[in-house]
Amino acid sequence: MQTYIILSKISPDALHKPEDFKRMADTVKDKIKKECPDVVWKDSYAVKGQYDVVDIVESGDSGQVDKASMIIRSHGRSDTQTMQASPWKEFLDAL
């Protein structure tokens, strides 16, 4: 399984009503769970800075990670950037 980081910048129009945003987040989660079964969600963080959310996922299928990112974009009204991540020790060992 490979680790991926998905960075999301939420559209300001998605945040008018907190209860609507919570429903939208649940919809995105359910859709990814159904359509991307090989994506394992490890953790999510709300962050300050250029992005609003950092999601950490694992998968053996990069195509399903791409699909999950597109679901976040289309249903979560967010811009996303997805990066493949390597554990620091493994990176150093490969040098």
Protein backbone atom coordinates (compact mmCIF):
# COMPACT_ATOMS: atom_id res chain seq x y z
CA MET A 1 0.00 0.00 0.00
CA GLN A 2 1.25 3.45 -0.91
CA THR A 3 0.53 6.57 1.17
CA TYR A 4 -1.00 9.66 -0.44
CA ILE A 5 -1.67 13.16 0.85
CA ILE A 6 -4.72 14.98 -0.52
CA LEU A 7 -4.72 18.74 0.09
CA SER A 8 -8.07 20.50 -0.33
CA LYS A 9 -8.99 24.17 -0.59
CA ILE A 10 -12.71 24.50 0.09
CA SER A 11 -14.73 26.88 -2.06
CA PRO A 12 -16.04 29.82 0.02
CA ASP A 13 -19.59 29.20 -1.27
CA ALA A 14 -19.51 25.74 0.37
CA LEU A 15 -19.33 27.31 3.83
CA HIS A 16 -22.44 29.50 4.00
CA LYS A 17 -24.24 27.16 6.40
CA PRO A 18 -22.22 24.85 8.66
CA GLU A 19 -24.97 22.20 8.65
CA ASP A 20 -24.93 22.12 4.83
CA PHE A 21 -21.16 21.71 4.86
CA LYS A 22 -21.38 18.82 7.32
CA ARG A 23 -23.93 17.08 5.07
CA MET A 24 -21.71 17.65 2.04
CA ALA A 25 -18.71 16.17 3.91
CA ASP A 26 -20.77 13.09 4.80
CA THR A 27 -21.88 12.72 1.17
CA VAL A 28 -18.27 12.89 -0.04
CA LYS A 29 -17.16 10.33 2.57
CA ASP A 30 -19.96 7.91 1.66
CA LYS A 31 -19.36 8.28 -2.10
CA ILE A 32 -15.62 7.62 -1.73
CA LYS A 33 -16.26 4.61 0.51
CA LYS A 34 -18.65 3.16 -2.10
CA GLU A 35 -16.76 4.01 -5.30
CA CYS A 36 -13.15 3.69 -4.09
CA PRO A 37 -13.03 0.54 -1.95
CA ASP A 38 -9.24 0.24 -2.21
CA VAL A 39 -8.70 3.67 -0.63
CA VAL A 40 -8.14 3.43 3.13
CA TRP A 41 -8.65 6.71 4.99
CA LYS A 42 -5.97 7.08 7.67
CA ASP A 43 -6.68 10.59 8.96
CA SER A 44 -7.94 14.07 8.13
CA TYR A 45 -6.93 17.44 9.52
CA ALA A 46 -8.35 20.94 9.24
CA VAL A 47 -5.37 23.24 8.73
CA LYS A 48 -4.58 26.92 8.51
CA GLY A 49 -2.72 28.19 5.49
CA GLN A 50 -2.99 27.71 1.75
CA TYR A 51 -5.20 24.61 2.13
CA ASP A 52 -8.13 23.92 4.44
CA VAL A 53 -7.97 20.13 4.76
CA VAL A 54 -5.19 17.53 4.70
CA ASP A 55 -6.32 13.93 4.15
CA ILE A 56 -3.93 11.00 4.53
CA VAL A 57 -4.95 7.88 2.63
CA GLU A 58 -3.41 4.57 1.60
CA SER A 59 -4.10 2.51 -1.49
CA GLY A 60 -2.53 0.02 -3.82
CA ASP A 61 -4.44 1.59 -6.71
CA SER A 62 -3.40 5.13 -7.66
CA GLY A 63 -6.39 5.36 -10.01
CA GLN A 64 -8.77 5.01 -7.08
CA VAL A 65 -6.89 7.76 -5.23
CA ASP A 66 -7.32 9.95 -8.32
CA LYS A 67 -11.03 9.13 -8.34
CA ALA A 68 -11.34 9.95 -4.62
CA SER A 69 -9.67 13.30 -5.30
CA MET A 70 -12.12 14.00 -8.13
CA ILE A 71 -15.06 13.16 -5.86
CA ILE A 72 -13.73 15.69 -3.35
CA ARG A 73 -13.47 18.26 -6.14
CA SER A 74 -16.89 17.68 -7.65
CA HIS A 75 -19.03 16.90 -4.61
CA GLY A 76 -16.98 18.69 -1.97
CA ARG A 77 -16.62 21.90 -3.99
CA SER A 78 -12.89 21.99 -3.40
CA ASP A 79 -9.67 22.37 -5.33
CA THR A 80 -7.32 19.50 -4.57
CA GLN A 81 -3.70 18.54 -4.92
CA THR A 82 -2.65 14.93 -4.44
CA MET A 83 0.87 13.81 -3.59
CA GLN A 84 2.44 10.41 -3.14
CA ALA A 85 4.29 10.20 0.18
CA SER A 86 7.12 7.98 1.39
CA PRO A 87 8.01 7.37 5.02
CA TRP A 88 11.10 9.41 5.89
CA LYS A 89 13.14 6.39 6.99
CA GLU A 90 12.39 4.54 3.73
CA PHE A 91 13.37 7.63 1.76
CA LEU A 92 16.68 7.91 3.61
CA ASP A 93 17.37 4.19 3.23
CA ALA A 94 16.88 4.47 -0.52
CA LEU A 95 19.58 7.14 -0.84
